[in-house]
Amino acid sequence: MKKEIHCPSKKMNKLRTAAAAAAVLWCLTRTSSTFETDWFARLSSWFVPLLTYEQQYGRQEAGYASDYQVPDWYYEEQAERPVNSDTAMETAEGGGKAAGEVVQAAALSNSEVGTTFTRKQLKKKSFLLSKIFAVDSNTSMTKEELSLENLLDRDLSVEGLTGEADGSRPYKILIYHTHGSESFADSRPGEKEDTIIGVGSYLAKLLEEKYGIAVYHDETAYDVIDGALDRSKAYENAYSSVSRILQENPGIEVVIDLHRDGVDEETHLVTEVDGKPTAKIMFLNGVSRSNMNGEIDYLKNPNKLTNLAFSFQMYLKGKEYYGDYVRKIYVRSLRYNLHLLPRTTLIEAGAQNNTLEEEKNAMEPLADILYKVLSKEE
């Protein structure tokens, strides 16, 4: 008796073919990146990811957009989170509390409760990544970058930081604005003083008049080309000009790229400092690393570790003296011209729906934090 052999039916073959086609279609549409709108670009990105990295993540000069929407998991407090959000911070950060609770300091003169941390807490990677840093999903932080010896023990004080305002002292701090056109809820159209540049002018004034630090304020709006908003080359344009300023003023040891954030309209990044409504601030760092491709060689930053230490020490001072005025340090994959000098920082002051008054009020504690870190004043 012959053994009966069962062959797949035509119907089964059709089902398998349809399933295979659906799988291919899903693969080709699995990302919403605008550069991968055709199947050839999609396919090539799988096999040669480095060729398409720049298209996917952007060049470092244009990689940061002022209207970037901060992920919902980033918001540190319920009051900061958009009202339509149903994502809890503890869940997004990995669940539960990090080992060791924060130590609450005594009430401060500004009626806020400051927060300090023990060295034991700060040595734990889990604590740093849940309480202090918010790392974008595109990147990661290394053991060296998270080491307390780098973040906390590095001396960032500046020799000869202050001096008499007689016009002869060298500049010590440079303030500039890659996205100088950024404005606020009550800004008057076309008025530079109502943009982030005007806020930077107030910060420069505070540093000079209250703390005796000579400041060079570059008022160029690098995101405006021929009178029109154009952010495609803002970082590239800023780098060229700021590099020249640094060459002409070798005494400058601190560089601040001052921005404002872009958040959901329901979110209001405000707190109270010395009885005044004050926009919250955020330090942003780029580590030149992609989870997809590892270290980004064309975005080398020899000053990355000091950049991180600078943000970290300012964050700790901000928490200690001004409570929730400072938000978590946001870490992204690109560079943002932070390689200019070791003490270079990108600061987001408030967002588009803060008022100009809230923004300028935010410069007062920021100037104090800068002075405390750069002068090593306790």
Protein backbone atom coordinates (compact mmCIF):
# COMPACT_ATOMS: atom_id res chain seq x y z
CA MET A 1 0.00 0.00 0.00
CA LYS A 2 1.48 3.32 -1.04
CA LYS A 3 1.98 5.96 1.62
CA GLU A 4 -0.33 8.87 1.02
CA ILE A 5 1.45 12.22 0.65
CA HIS A 6 -0.52 15.34 1.50
CA CYS A 7 0.48 18.47 -0.44
CA PRO A 8 -0.45 22.01 0.67
CA SER A 9 -3.62 23.18 -0.92
CA LYS A 10 -3.75 26.14 -3.26
CA LYS A 11 -5.71 28.00 -0.60
CA MET A 12 -2.94 27.46 1.94
CA ASN A 13 -0.32 28.70 -0.53
CA LYS A 14 -2.34 31.86 -1.10
CA LEU A 15 -2.57 32.48 2.64
CA ARG A 16 1.18 32.07 3.06
CA THR A 17 1.86 34.40 0.16
CA ALA A 18 -0.46 37.02 1.62
CA ALA A 19 1.20 36.71 5.02
CA ALA A 20 4.66 37.12 3.49
CA ALA A 21 3.51 40.18 1.55
CA ALA A 22 2.03 41.71 4.71
CA ALA A 23 5.31 41.11 6.57
CA VAL A 24 7.30 42.86 3.84
CA LEU A 25 4.83 45.76 3.80
CA TRP A 26 5.09 46.11 7.60
CA CYS A 27 8.89 46.22 7.41
CA LEU A 28 8.77 48.89 4.73
CA THR A 29 6.40 51.05 6.75
CA ARG A 30 7.72 50.45 10.26
CA THR A 31 9.21 53.94 10.61
CA SER A 32 7.66 57.32 10.03
CA SER A 33 10.93 59.03 9.05
CA THR A 34 10.24 61.26 6.10
CA PHE A 35 13.49 60.35 4.32
CA GLU A 36 12.41 56.71 4.00
CA THR A 37 9.37 57.27 1.83
CA ASP A 38 10.56 54.92 -0.89
CA TRP A 39 11.33 51.23 -0.54
CA PHE A 40 14.91 51.51 -1.84
CA ALA A 41 15.95 53.99 0.88
CA ARG A 42 14.22 51.84 3.45
CA LEU A 43 16.00 48.71 2.29
CA SER A 44 19.41 50.37 2.07
CA SER A 45 19.08 51.70 5.61
CA TRP A 46 18.85 48.16 6.96
CA PHE A 47 22.09 47.04 5.33
CA VAL A 48 24.15 50.26 5.39
CA PRO A 49 22.84 52.23 8.41
CA LEU A 50 25.78 54.64 8.50
CA LEU A 51 24.89 55.95 5.05
CA THR A 52 21.44 56.95 6.23
CA TYR A 53 22.28 58.05 9.78
CA GLU A 54 22.56 61.71 8.90
CA GLN A 55 19.23 61.62 7.10
CA GLN A 56 17.54 59.93 10.04
CA TYR A 57 19.02 61.97 12.90
CA GLY A 58 20.07 65.14 11.10
CA ARG A 59 23.41 66.90 11.06
CA GLN A 60 24.55 68.07 14.46
CA GLU A 61 24.25 71.70 13.41
CA ALA A 62 20.54 71.29 12.66
CA GLY A 63 19.73 68.33 14.86
CA TYR A 64 18.09 70.31 17.64
CA ALA A 65 14.77 71.98 16.91
CA SER A 66 13.36 74.59 19.29
CA ASP A 67 9.90 73.10 18.96
CA TYR A 68 11.07 69.62 19.93
CA GLN A 69 8.33 67.96 21.93
CA VAL A 70 9.72 66.66 25.20
CA PRO A 71 8.59 63.06 25.72
CA ASP A 72 5.81 62.61 28.26
CA TRP A 73 8.02 60.46 30.49
CA TYR A 74 10.39 63.39 30.92
CA TYR A 75 8.17 65.54 33.10
CA GLU A 76 9.43 65.44 36.65
CA GLU A 77 6.27 66.52 38.39
CA GLN A 78 2.57 66.00 37.85
CA ALA A 79 2.13 69.76 37.52
CA GLU A 80 4.56 69.83 34.58
CA ARG A 81 2.89 67.01 32.63
CA PRO A 82 0.33 67.81 29.92
CA VAL A 83 -3.21 67.46 31.19
CA ASN A 84 -4.04 64.83 28.57
CA SER A 85 -1.19 62.54 29.63
CA ASP A 86 -1.82 59.20 31.28
CA THR A 87 1.83 58.17 31.62
CA ALA A 88 3.21 58.12 35.15
CA MET A 89 6.80 59.14 35.73
CA GLU A 90 7.61 56.16 37.93
CA THR A 91 6.45 53.73 35.26
CA ALA A 92 8.38 55.47 32.49
CA GLU A 93 11.55 55.66 34.54
CA GLY A 94 11.60 51.96 35.23
CA GLY A 95 9.22 51.67 38.14
CA GLY A 96 9.67 52.22 41.85
CA LYS A 97 12.04 54.55 43.65
CA ALA A 98 15.77 54.48 43.20
CA ALA A 99 17.76 53.16 46.14
CA GLY A 100 17.96 55.84 48.81
CA GLU A 101 15.54 58.70 49.14
CA VAL A 102 16.58 62.27 48.47
CA VAL A 103 17.53 64.34 51.48
CA GLN A 104 15.35 67.39 51.97
CA ALA A 105 17.27 70.48 53.03
CA ALA A 106 15.93 73.22 55.25
CA ALA A 107 13.48 75.75 53.82
CA LEU A 108 15.25 78.48 51.90
CA SER A 109 14.78 82.23 51.79
CA ASN A 110 12.77 81.88 48.58
CA SER A 111 10.20 79.75 50.42
CA GLU A 112 11.15 76.71 48.30
CA VAL A 113 12.47 73.53 49.83
CA GLY A 114 15.86 72.68 48.43
CA THR A 115 16.99 69.14 47.70
CA THR A 116 20.46 67.78 48.34
CA PHE A 117 21.86 64.34 47.64
CA THR A 118 24.38 62.19 49.44
CA ARG A 119 27.54 61.00 47.73
CA LYS A 120 26.38 57.42 48.27
CA GLN A 121 23.22 58.13 46.28
CA LEU A 122 25.06 59.91 43.50
CA LYS A 123 27.46 57.00 43.01
CA LYS A 124 24.59 54.75 41.91
CA LYS A 125 23.90 54.63 38.19
CA SER A 126 20.25 53.76 38.81
CA PHE A 127 19.81 56.84 40.98
CA LEU A 128 21.43 59.17 38.46
CA LEU A 129 19.35 57.83 35.57
CA SER A 130 16.06 57.97 37.46
CA LYS A 131 16.42 61.18 39.45
CA ILE A 132 18.85 63.50 37.66
CA PHE A 133 19.32 62.57 33.99
CA ALA A 134 16.64 62.03 31.35
CA VAL A 135 18.30 60.11 28.51
CA ASP A 136 16.69 60.16 25.09
CA SER A 137 15.81 56.75 23.67
CA ASN A 138 18.21 57.32 20.76
CA THR A 139 21.29 57.31 22.97
CA SER A 140 22.88 56.15 26.21
CA MET A 141 25.45 57.18 28.82
CA THR A 142 28.66 55.32 29.59
CA LYS A 143 30.10 54.35 32.96
CA GLU A 144 32.76 57.03 32.56
CA GLU A 145 30.19 59.72 31.81
CA LEU A 146 28.20 58.73 34.90
CA SER A 147 31.17 58.46 37.23
CA LEU A 148 31.04 60.73 40.25
CA GLU A 149 34.74 61.43 39.88
CA ASN A 150 33.95 63.11 36.59
CA LEU A 151 30.59 64.68 37.40
CA LEU A 152 31.18 65.99 40.90
CA ASP A 153 34.90 66.01 41.65
CA ARG A 154 36.00 67.95 38.58
CA ASP A 155 37.04 71.51 39.50
CA LEU A 156 35.12 73.97 37.32
CA SER A 157 36.11 77.18 39.07
CA VAL A 158 37.46 80.00 36.90
CA GLU A 159 40.51 81.93 38.01
CA GLY A 160 39.99 85.70 38.01
CA LEU A 161 36.27 85.30 37.44
CA THR A 162 35.29 88.68 38.85
CA GLY A 163 36.77 92.15 38.71
CA GLU A 164 36.00 95.83 38.73
CA ALA A 165 33.75 97.07 35.96
CA ASP A 166 36.32 99.49 34.56
CA GLY A 167 36.16 98.30 30.98
CA SER A 168 39.61 96.72 31.06
CA ARG A 169 38.75 93.29 32.46
CA PRO A 170 38.65 90.44 29.93
CA TYR A 171 35.43 88.69 29.06
CA LYS A 172 34.94 85.45 31.00
CA ILE A 173 31.50 84.32 29.78
CA LEU A 174 30.02 84.27 26.29
CA ILE A 175 26.22 84.13 25.90
CA TYR A 176 24.78 83.46 22.45
CA HIS A 177 21.58 82.07 20.93
CA THR A 178 21.51 79.48 18.15
CA HIS A 179 17.74 80.03 17.91
CA GLY A 180 17.65 83.74 18.64
CA SER A 181 14.17 84.25 17.20
CA GLU A 182 12.51 82.18 19.95
CA SER A 183 9.76 84.19 21.61
CA PHE A 184 7.20 83.87 24.40
CA ALA A 185 3.49 84.02 25.14
CA ASP A 186 3.34 87.81 25.39
CA SER A 187 6.22 88.78 23.09
CA ARG A 188 5.64 91.66 20.72
CA PRO A 189 6.27 90.63 17.10
CA GLY A 190 9.52 91.99 15.70
CA GLU A 191 10.89 93.16 19.07
CA LYS A 192 14.30 91.64 19.76
CA GLU A 193 14.07 92.49 23.45
CA ASP A 194 11.00 90.23 23.68
CA THR A 195 12.86 87.19 22.35
CA ILE A 196 15.36 84.87 24.01
CA ILE A 197 18.01 87.41 23.01
CA GLY A 198 16.38 89.97 25.32
CA VAL A 199 16.36 87.39 28.11
CA GLY A 200 20.07 86.79 27.47
CA SER A 201 20.70 90.52 27.77
CA TYR A 202 19.17 90.48 31.24
CA LEU A 203 21.32 87.51 32.26
CA ALA A 204 24.42 89.32 31.03
CA LYS A 205 23.43 92.43 33.00
CA LEU A 206 22.96 90.43 36.20
CA LEU A 207 26.30 88.66 35.85
CA GLU A 208 28.09 91.93 35.21
CA GLU A 209 26.39 94.26 37.68
CA LYS A 210 25.62 91.90 40.56
CA TYR A 211 28.51 89.45 40.36
CA GLY A 212 31.25 91.43 38.63
CA ILE A 213 31.74 88.98 35.75
CA ALA A 214 32.57 90.41 32.31
CA VAL A 215 30.17 88.99 29.72
CA TYR A 216 30.24 89.04 25.92
CA HIS A 217 26.64 88.82 24.68
CA ASP A 218 26.31 87.87 21.03
CA GLU A 219 22.88 89.13 19.93
CA THR A 220 22.88 87.45 16.52
CA ALA A 221 19.79 85.42 15.63
CA TYR A 222 21.43 82.50 13.86
CA ASP A 223 18.10 81.03 12.83
CA VAL A 224 17.14 84.03 10.71
CA ILE A 225 18.56 84.11 7.16
CA ASP A 226 17.87 87.11 4.92
CA GLY A 227 15.06 88.19 7.22
CA ALA A 228 13.28 84.82 7.20
CA LEU A 229 13.20 82.07 9.81
CA ASP A 230 15.51 79.26 8.68
CA ARG A 231 16.87 76.79 11.23
CA SER A 232 18.39 74.35 8.74
CA LYS A 233 21.88 75.78 9.23
CA ALA A 234 21.50 77.59 12.55
CA TYR A 235 24.06 75.47 14.40
CA GLU A 236 26.50 75.63 11.52
CA ASN A 237 26.20 79.43 11.31
CA ALA A 238 26.53 79.82 15.06
CA TYR A 239 29.62 77.62 15.19
CA SER A 240 31.43 79.70 12.58
CA SER A 241 30.69 83.01 14.29
CA VAL A 242 31.14 81.88 17.90
CA SER A 243 34.48 80.25 17.05
CA ARG A 244 35.67 83.60 15.74
CA ILE A 245 34.50 85.38 18.90
CA LEU A 246 36.43 82.91 21.04
CA GLN A 247 39.57 83.37 18.96
CA GLU A 248 39.32 87.13 19.35
CA ASN A 249 38.62 86.89 23.09
CA PRO A 250 40.89 84.17 24.52
CA GLY A 251 39.92 85.08 28.10
CA ILE A 252 36.45 83.57 27.66
CA GLU A 253 36.20 80.29 29.60
CA VAL A 254 32.42 79.75 29.72
CA VAL A 255 30.01 79.49 26.78
CA ILE A 256 26.22 79.52 27.20
CA ASP A 257 23.83 78.79 24.32
CA LEU A 258 20.55 80.10 25.76
CA HIS A 259 17.28 78.75 24.34
CA ARG A 260 13.71 78.28 25.40
CA ASP A 261 12.03 74.89 25.15
CA GLY A 262 9.01 73.84 23.11
CA VAL A 263 6.32 71.88 24.99
CA ASP A 264 2.63 71.02 24.81
CA GLU A 265 0.42 74.09 25.09
CA GLU A 266 -1.18 72.70 28.26
CA THR A 267 2.22 72.59 29.99
CA HIS A 268 3.39 75.61 31.97
CA LEU A 269 6.99 75.35 33.20
CA VAL A 270 6.80 77.77 36.10
CA THR A 271 7.65 77.79 39.79
CA GLU A 272 8.02 80.47 42.46
CA VAL A 273 11.38 81.94 43.47
CA ASP A 274 11.53 84.78 46.01
CA GLY A 275 7.78 85.21 45.63
CA LYS A 276 7.98 85.72 41.85
CA PRO A 277 6.66 83.48 39.05
CA THR A 278 9.76 81.98 37.49
CA ALA A 279 10.26 79.84 34.39
CA LYS A 280 11.98 76.53 35.05
CA ILE A 281 15.26 75.75 33.35
CA MET A 282 16.81 72.63 31.86
CA PHE A 283 20.40 71.79 30.92
CA LEU A 284 20.79 69.82 27.68
CA ASN A 285 23.82 67.70 26.81
CA GLY A 286 24.76 65.80 23.68
CA VAL A 287 26.99 62.73 23.93
CA SER A 288 27.68 62.12 20.20
CA ARG A 289 26.44 58.56 20.45
CA SER A 290 23.63 56.66 18.75
CA ASN A 291 22.15 53.41 19.99
CA MET A 292 21.96 52.33 16.36
CA ASN A 293 25.52 53.10 15.30
CA GLY A 294 27.53 53.73 18.47
CA GLU A 295 29.97 56.64 18.69
CA ILE A 296 29.36 59.28 16.03
CA ASP A 297 32.89 59.92 14.79
CA TYR A 298 32.11 63.05 12.80
CA LEU A 299 30.73 64.69 15.97
CA LYS A 300 33.83 64.31 18.13
CA ASN A 301 33.69 66.26 21.37
CA PRO A 302 36.90 66.20 23.45
CA ASN A 303 35.12 68.35 26.06
CA LYS A 304 32.13 66.04 26.56
CA LEU A 305 33.02 64.90 30.08
CA THR A 306 33.55 68.45 31.32
CA ASN A 307 30.35 69.57 29.58
CA LEU A 308 28.46 66.93 31.57
CA ALA A 309 30.19 67.88 34.83
CA PHE A 310 29.30 71.54 34.26
CA SER A 311 25.60 70.72 33.79
CA PHE A 312 25.65 68.31 36.71
CA GLN A 313 27.19 70.72 39.20
CA MET A 314 24.85 73.53 38.15
CA TYR A 315 21.90 71.15 38.48
CA LEU A 316 22.93 70.21 42.03
CA LYS A 317 23.33 73.86 43.03
CA GLY A 318 19.98 74.65 41.48
CA LYS A 319 18.29 71.84 43.38
CA GLU A 320 19.96 72.80 46.63
CA TYR A 321 19.07 76.48 46.53
CA TYR A 322 16.01 76.68 44.28
CA GLY A 323 14.21 73.34 44.46
CA ASP A 324 12.13 72.49 41.40
CA TYR A 325 13.42 75.51 39.48
CA VAL A 326 15.78 73.09 37.69
CA ARG A 327 14.45 70.21 35.63
CA LYS A 328 16.28 66.99 34.85
CA ILE A 329 19.38 67.17 32.65
CA TYR A 330 18.28 66.07 29.20
CA VAL A 331 20.81 63.94 27.26
CA ARG A 332 20.53 63.50 23.50
CA SER A 333 22.61 61.81 20.81
CA LEU A 334 24.16 64.73 18.93
CA ARG A 335 26.63 67.49 19.90
CA TYR A 336 25.02 70.96 19.62
CA ASN A 337 28.37 72.84 19.45
CA LEU A 338 29.11 71.88 23.05
CA HIS A 339 32.66 71.04 21.99
CA LEU A 340 33.58 74.72 21.79
CA LEU A 341 35.02 74.83 25.32
CA PRO A 342 35.04 72.54 28.38
CA ARG A 343 32.60 74.81 30.28
CA THR A 344 29.99 74.97 27.54
CA THR A 345 26.31 74.47 28.21
CA LEU A 346 23.00 74.60 26.37
CA ILE A 347 20.24 75.92 28.63
CA GLU A 348 16.51 75.78 27.97
CA ALA A 349 14.75 78.55 29.92
CA GLY A 350 11.03 77.92 30.13
CA ALA A 351 9.09 77.37 26.91
CA GLN A 352 6.98 79.12 24.31
CA ASN A 353 4.03 79.60 26.65
CA ASN A 354 5.94 81.27 29.47
CA THR A 355 5.68 85.04 29.79
CA LEU A 356 8.61 87.38 29.31
CA GLU A 357 8.45 88.27 32.99
CA GLU A 358 8.72 84.61 34.00
CA GLU A 359 11.68 84.22 31.67
CA LYS A 360 13.58 87.20 33.02
CA ASN A 361 12.83 86.16 36.59
CA ALA A 362 14.48 82.84 35.74
CA MET A 363 17.75 84.60 34.95
CA GLU A 364 18.20 85.71 38.58
CA PRO A 365 18.64 82.23 40.09
CA LEU A 366 20.54 81.13 36.97
CA ALA A 367 23.10 83.91 37.44
CA ASP A 368 23.46 82.89 41.08
CA ILE A 369 23.97 79.22 40.17
CA LEU A 370 26.61 80.12 37.58
CA TYR A 371 28.45 82.26 40.08
CA LYS A 372 28.38 79.59 42.78
CA VAL A 373 29.78 76.89 40.47
CA LEU A 374 32.37 79.04 38.72
CA SER A 375 33.62 80.65 41.93
CA LYS A 376 33.28 77.51 44.09
CA GLU A 377 31.22 79.52 46.57
CA GLU A 378 29.25 77.28 48.93
